[in-house]
Amino acid sequence: MQYLRDNRGTKMLAINFNRLRARLRSDSGNAMVEFGVAAPVFVALALGATDFARVFTESMIMTSAANTGAFFGALNNRTTGDYHGMQDMALADASQLDGVTATSTRYCDCPDAPGTAVSCTDTVCPSGFGVPRVFVKTSLQKTFSTLGFYPGIPQNTPMDTSGYVRVQ
């Protein structure tokens, strides 16, 4: 600080206005303000990217588990009716996920009418065209919960995937 004395000898504070103006125009606080404005935007983007990665990963795990259950059921004719075995294999493959449920079924159709269910005990299709084809299916269900709230996106979303394999 600099002090000046007037003509009576009184001590007065000397203000250097050029230095004061330079300090008031300094950019030293701009970075802090910009960070304060941008940080919430970046946190929201990171949270959204994390949720997207989580739903994608859980979907892949569930698809793999459903296929594992269906492949177990397609090992031979005996395992096509082992619904608990198919479900156990699928749930074991999806063991890192919480809240997963599994269902397994077996169904048959004829080559001349795909998608039309027939009895799996028939030796010949009703139309006389070939033997019924045997399929097994394992389905997995789970509810996915996001980490945060996003406008327009539900916080809890049901996920469902299935694995189909033809046995014969």
C-alpha atoms as a PDB file:
ATOM      1  CA  MET A   1       0.000   0.000   0.000  1.00  0.00           C
ATOM      2  CA  GLN A   2       1.193   3.475  -0.769  1.00  0.00           C
ATOM      3  CA  TYR A   3       0.429   6.502   1.326  1.00  0.00           C
ATOM      4  CA  LEU A   4       0.673  10.153   0.376  1.00  0.00           C
ATOM      5  CA  ARG A   5       0.787  13.211   2.591  1.00  0.00           C
ATOM      6  CA  ASP A   6      -1.230  16.265   1.742  1.00  0.00           C
ATOM      7  CA  ASN A   7       0.004  19.860   2.178  1.00  0.00           C
ATOM      8  CA  ARG A   8      -0.985  19.804   5.889  1.00  0.00           C
ATOM      9  CA  GLY A   9       0.973  16.600   6.506  1.00  0.00           C
ATOM     10  CA  THR A  10      -2.087  14.338   6.779  1.00  0.00           C
ATOM     11  CA  LYS A  11      -1.431  10.799   5.669  1.00  0.00           C
ATOM     12  CA  MET A  12      -3.748   9.655   2.814  1.00  0.00           C
ATOM     13  CA  LEU A  13      -4.089   6.349   1.002  1.00  0.00           C
ATOM     14  CA  ALA A  14      -2.964   6.552  -2.618  1.00  0.00           C
ATOM     15  CA  ILE A  15      -5.029   4.392  -4.955  1.00  0.00           C
ATOM     16  CA  ASN A  16      -3.504   3.308  -8.221  1.00  0.00           C
ATOM     17  CA  PHE A  17      -6.623   3.139 -10.426  1.00  0.00           C
ATOM     18  CA  ASN A  18      -4.781   1.565 -13.364  1.00  0.00           C
ATOM     19  CA  ARG A  19      -3.775  -1.425 -11.236  1.00  0.00           C
ATOM     20  CA  LEU A  20      -7.316  -1.676  -9.748  1.00  0.00           C
ATOM     21  CA  ARG A  21      -8.889  -1.636 -13.221  1.00  0.00           C
ATOM     22  CA  ALA A  22      -6.515  -4.372 -14.391  1.00  0.00           C
ATOM     23  CA  ARG A  23      -7.449  -6.544 -11.430  1.00  0.00           C
ATOM     24  CA  LEU A  24     -11.187  -6.106 -11.979  1.00  0.00           C
ATOM     25  CA  ARG A  25     -10.801  -7.155 -15.627  1.00  0.00           C
ATOM     26  CA  SER A  26      -8.843 -10.320 -14.744  1.00  0.00           C
ATOM     27  CA  ASP A  27     -10.045 -13.692 -16.104  1.00  0.00           C
ATOM     28  CA  SER A  28      -8.846 -15.695 -13.118  1.00  0.00           C
ATOM     29  CA  GLY A  29     -12.387 -16.613 -11.906  1.00  0.00           C
ATOM     30  CA  ASN A  30     -13.866 -17.508 -15.292  1.00  0.00           C
ATOM     31  CA  ALA A  31     -12.627 -21.088 -15.260  1.00  0.00           C
ATOM     32  CA  MET A  32     -14.284 -21.753 -11.916  1.00  0.00           C
ATOM     33  CA  VAL A  33     -17.630 -20.357 -13.082  1.00  0.00           C
ATOM     34  CA  GLU A  34     -17.497 -22.282 -16.369  1.00  0.00           C
ATOM     35  CA  PHE A  35     -16.703 -25.501 -14.502  1.00  0.00           C
ATOM     36  CA  GLY A  36     -19.632 -24.906 -12.160  1.00  0.00           C
ATOM     37  CA  VAL A  37     -21.979 -24.520 -15.133  1.00  0.00           C
ATOM     38  CA  ALA A  38     -20.592 -27.436 -17.203  1.00  0.00           C
ATOM     39  CA  ALA A  39     -20.074 -30.034 -14.429  1.00  0.00           C
ATOM     40  CA  PRO A  40     -23.766 -30.955 -13.960  1.00  0.00           C
ATOM     41  CA  VAL A  41     -24.151 -31.437 -17.720  1.00  0.00           C
ATOM     42  CA  PHE A  42     -21.146 -33.771 -17.863  1.00  0.00           C
ATOM     43  CA  VAL A  43     -22.332 -35.737 -14.817  1.00  0.00           C
ATOM     44  CA  ALA A  44     -25.770 -36.214 -16.411  1.00  0.00           C
ATOM     45  CA  LEU A  45     -24.164 -37.400 -19.678  1.00  0.00           C
ATOM     46  CA  ALA A  46     -21.904 -39.830 -17.819  1.00  0.00           C
ATOM     47  CA  LEU A  47     -24.864 -41.215 -15.846  1.00  0.00           C
ATOM     48  CA  GLY A  48     -26.871 -41.710 -19.047  1.00  0.00           C
ATOM     49  CA  ALA A  49     -23.967 -43.447 -20.777  1.00  0.00           C
ATOM     50  CA  THR A  50     -23.535 -45.721 -17.761  1.00  0.00           C
ATOM     51  CA  ASP A  51     -27.219 -46.700 -17.809  1.00  0.00           C
ATOM     52  CA  PHE A  52     -27.079 -47.373 -21.551  1.00  0.00           C
ATOM     53  CA  ALA A  53     -24.050 -49.622 -21.058  1.00  0.00           C
ATOM     54  CA  ARG A  54     -25.775 -51.434 -18.175  1.00  0.00           C
ATOM     55  CA  VAL A  55     -28.954 -52.182 -20.139  1.00  0.00           C
ATOM     56  CA  PHE A  56     -26.917 -53.342 -23.136  1.00  0.00           C
ATOM     57  CA  THR A  57     -24.738 -55.620 -20.980  1.00  0.00           C
ATOM     58  CA  GLU A  58     -27.696 -57.102 -19.094  1.00  0.00           C
ATOM     59  CA  SER A  59     -29.506 -57.737 -22.377  1.00  0.00           C
ATOM     60  CA  MET A  60     -26.496 -59.647 -23.749  1.00  0.00           C
ATOM     61  CA  ILE A  61     -26.196 -61.709 -20.552  1.00  0.00           C
ATOM     62  CA  MET A  62     -29.894 -62.585 -20.642  1.00  0.00           C
ATOM     63  CA  THR A  63     -29.777 -63.570 -24.333  1.00  0.00           C
ATOM     64  CA  SER A  64     -26.786 -65.815 -23.719  1.00  0.00           C
ATOM     65  CA  ALA A  65     -28.498 -67.402 -20.703  1.00  0.00           C
ATOM     66  CA  ALA A  66     -31.719 -68.048 -22.662  1.00  0.00           C
ATOM     67  CA  ASN A  67     -29.716 -69.735 -25.413  1.00  0.00           C
ATOM     68  CA  THR A  68     -27.856 -71.835 -22.828  1.00  0.00           C
ATOM     69  CA  GLY A  69     -31.142 -73.102 -21.413  1.00  0.00           C
ATOM     70  CA  ALA A  70     -32.482 -73.902 -24.879  1.00  0.00           C
ATOM     71  CA  PHE A  71     -29.256 -75.691 -25.895  1.00  0.00           C
ATOM     72  CA  PHE A  72     -29.491 -77.823 -22.751  1.00  0.00           C
ATOM     73  CA  GLY A  73     -33.047 -78.806 -23.703  1.00  0.00           C
ATOM     74  CA  ALA A  74     -31.947 -79.685 -27.235  1.00  0.00           C
ATOM     75  CA  LEU A  75     -29.319 -82.207 -26.148  1.00  0.00           C
ATOM     76  CA  ASN A  76     -31.651 -85.166 -26.779  1.00  0.00           C
ATOM     77  CA  ASN A  77     -35.319 -86.176 -26.626  1.00  0.00           C
ATOM     78  CA  ARG A  78     -35.127 -86.807 -22.871  1.00  0.00           C
ATOM     79  CA  THR A  79     -33.941 -83.291 -22.051  1.00  0.00           C
ATOM     80  CA  THR A  80     -36.662 -81.648 -24.180  1.00  0.00           C
ATOM     81  CA  GLY A  81     -39.090 -82.294 -21.331  1.00  0.00           C
ATOM     82  CA  ASP A  82     -36.659 -81.319 -18.540  1.00  0.00           C
ATOM     83  CA  TYR A  83     -38.068 -77.817 -18.045  1.00  0.00           C
ATOM     84  CA  HIS A  84     -36.501 -77.380 -14.613  1.00  0.00           C
ATOM     85  CA  GLY A  85     -33.103 -78.379 -15.989  1.00  0.00           C
ATOM     86  CA  MET A  86     -33.388 -75.813 -18.801  1.00  0.00           C
ATOM     87  CA  GLN A  87     -34.461 -73.125 -16.342  1.00  0.00           C
ATOM     88  CA  ASP A  88     -31.656 -74.000 -13.909  1.00  0.00           C
ATOM     89  CA  MET A  89     -29.046 -73.831 -16.680  1.00  0.00           C
ATOM     90  CA  ALA A  90     -30.362 -70.442 -17.839  1.00  0.00           C
ATOM     91  CA  LEU A  91     -30.466 -69.012 -14.305  1.00  0.00           C
ATOM     92  CA  ALA A  92     -26.964 -70.321 -13.576  1.00  0.00           C
ATOM     93  CA  ASP A  93     -25.686 -68.586 -16.703  1.00  0.00           C
ATOM     94  CA  ALA A  94     -27.384 -65.320 -15.627  1.00  0.00           C
ATOM     95  CA  SER A  95     -26.302 -65.629 -11.990  1.00  0.00           C
ATOM     96  CA  GLN A  96     -24.585 -62.199 -11.965  1.00  0.00           C
ATOM     97  CA  LEU A  97     -27.973 -60.505 -12.507  1.00  0.00           C
ATOM     98  CA  ASP A  98     -30.584 -60.033  -9.785  1.00  0.00           C
ATOM     99  CA  GLY A  99     -34.305 -60.639 -10.208  1.00  0.00           C
ATOM    100  CA  VAL A 100     -34.160 -62.895 -13.290  1.00  0.00           C
ATOM    101  CA  THR A 101     -36.928 -65.465 -13.815  1.00  0.00           C
ATOM    102  CA  ALA A 102     -36.948 -68.254 -16.407  1.00  0.00           C
ATOM    103  CA  THR A 103     -39.598 -70.356 -18.144  1.00  0.00           C
ATOM    104  CA  SER A 104     -39.066 -73.233 -20.556  1.00  0.00           C
ATOM    105  CA  THR A 105     -41.367 -75.018 -22.992  1.00  0.00           C
ATOM    106  CA  ARG A 106     -41.334 -77.623 -25.729  1.00  0.00           C
ATOM    107  CA  TYR A 107     -43.501 -77.386 -28.835  1.00  0.00           C
ATOM    108  CA  CYS A 108     -43.851 -79.120 -32.163  1.00  0.00           C
ATOM    109  CA  ASP A 109     -44.998 -78.132 -35.649  1.00  0.00           C
ATOM    110  CA  CYS A 110     -45.136 -79.695 -39.075  1.00  0.00           C
ATOM    111  CA  PRO A 111     -42.828 -78.804 -41.959  1.00  0.00           C
ATOM    112  CA  ASP A 112     -45.785 -77.998 -44.232  1.00  0.00           C
ATOM    113  CA  ALA A 113     -47.378 -75.641 -41.639  1.00  0.00           C
ATOM    114  CA  PRO A 114     -44.633 -73.822 -39.728  1.00  0.00           C
ATOM    115  CA  GLY A 115     -45.865 -72.165 -36.558  1.00  0.00           C
ATOM    116  CA  THR A 116     -48.983 -74.318 -36.275  1.00  0.00           C
ATOM    117  CA  ALA A 117     -48.636 -76.370 -33.092  1.00  0.00           C
ATOM    118  CA  VAL A 118     -49.226 -80.105 -33.196  1.00  0.00           C
ATOM    119  CA  SER A 119     -48.871 -82.824 -30.579  1.00  0.00           C
ATOM    120  CA  CYS A 120     -45.278 -83.848 -29.975  1.00  0.00           C
ATOM    121  CA  THR A 121     -46.388 -87.479 -29.480  1.00  0.00           C
ATOM    122  CA  ASP A 122     -47.654 -87.799 -33.073  1.00  0.00           C
ATOM    123  CA  THR A 123     -45.435 -89.890 -35.309  1.00  0.00           C
ATOM    124  CA  VAL A 124     -46.743 -88.340 -38.509  1.00  0.00           C
ATOM    125  CA  CYS A 125     -48.124 -84.847 -39.182  1.00  0.00           C
ATOM    126  CA  PRO A 126     -51.919 -84.637 -39.690  1.00  0.00           C
ATOM    127  CA  SER A 127     -51.384 -83.673 -43.320  1.00  0.00           C
ATOM    128  CA  GLY A 128     -49.280 -86.789 -43.805  1.00  0.00           C
ATOM    129  CA  PHE A 129     -46.231 -84.716 -44.648  1.00  0.00           C
ATOM    130  CA  GLY A 130     -43.326 -85.873 -42.522  1.00  0.00           C
ATOM    131  CA  VAL A 131     -42.634 -86.127 -38.814  1.00  0.00           C
ATOM    132  CA  PRO A 132     -43.358 -83.228 -36.440  1.00  0.00           C
ATOM    133  CA  ARG A 133     -40.367 -80.997 -35.742  1.00  0.00           C
ATOM    134  CA  VAL A 134     -39.543 -80.573 -32.032  1.00  0.00           C
ATOM    135  CA  PHE A 135     -38.397 -77.215 -30.640  1.00  0.00           C
ATOM    136  CA  VAL A 136     -37.441 -76.035 -27.141  1.00  0.00           C
ATOM    137  CA  LYS A 137     -37.709 -72.481 -25.916  1.00  0.00           C
ATOM    138  CA  THR A 138     -36.307 -70.803 -22.798  1.00  0.00           C
ATOM    139  CA  SER A 139     -37.465 -67.286 -21.884  1.00  0.00           C
ATOM    140  CA  LEU A 140     -35.932 -64.954 -19.307  1.00  0.00           C
ATOM    141  CA  GLN A 141     -37.608 -61.942 -17.732  1.00  0.00           C
ATOM    142  CA  LYS A 142     -36.191 -59.140 -15.575  1.00  0.00           C
ATOM    143  CA  THR A 143     -37.035 -55.560 -14.630  1.00  0.00           C
ATOM    144  CA  PHE A 144     -34.227 -53.094 -15.388  1.00  0.00           C
ATOM    145  CA  SER A 145     -33.954 -50.031 -13.114  1.00  0.00           C
ATOM    146  CA  THR A 146     -32.015 -46.954 -14.206  1.00  0.00           C
ATOM    147  CA  LEU A 147     -29.525 -45.227 -11.908  1.00  0.00           C
ATOM    148  CA  GLY A 148     -31.176 -41.833 -12.309  1.00  0.00           C
ATOM    149  CA  PHE A 149     -34.330 -40.123 -13.514  1.00  0.00           C
ATOM    150  CA  TYR A 150     -34.506 -39.157 -17.180  1.00  0.00           C
ATOM    151  CA  PRO A 151     -37.492 -37.200 -18.522  1.00  0.00           C
ATOM    152  CA  GLY A 152     -39.479 -39.318 -20.962  1.00  0.00           C
ATOM    153  CA  ILE A 153     -37.728 -42.574 -20.043  1.00  0.00           C
ATOM    154  CA  PRO A 154     -39.349 -44.927 -17.510  1.00  0.00           C
ATOM    155  CA  GLN A 155     -37.214 -45.695 -14.472  1.00  0.00           C
ATOM    156  CA  ASN A 156     -38.253 -49.383 -14.433  1.00  0.00           C
ATOM    157  CA  THR A 157     -38.375 -51.229 -17.752  1.00  0.00           C
ATOM    158  CA  PRO A 158     -39.263 -54.904 -18.245  1.00  0.00           C
ATOM    159  CA  MET A 159     -36.731 -56.944 -20.218  1.00  0.00           C
ATOM    160  CA  ASP A 160     -37.665 -60.212 -21.941  1.00  0.00           C
ATOM    161  CA  THR A 161     -35.596 -62.465 -24.176  1.00  0.00           C
ATOM    162  CA  SER A 162     -35.970 -65.993 -25.526  1.00  0.00           C
ATOM    163  CA  GLY A 163     -33.775 -68.701 -26.996  1.00  0.00           C
ATOM    164  CA  TYR A 164     -35.212 -71.218 -29.498  1.00  0.00           C
ATOM    165  CA  VAL A 165     -33.492 -74.408 -30.684  1.00  0.00           C
ATOM    166  CA  ARG A 166     -34.779 -77.148 -32.970  1.00  0.00           C
ATOM    167  CA  VAL A 167     -34.204 -80.578 -31.521  1.00  0.00           C
ATOM    168  CA  GLN A 168     -35.080 -82.729 -34.517  1.00  0.00           C
END
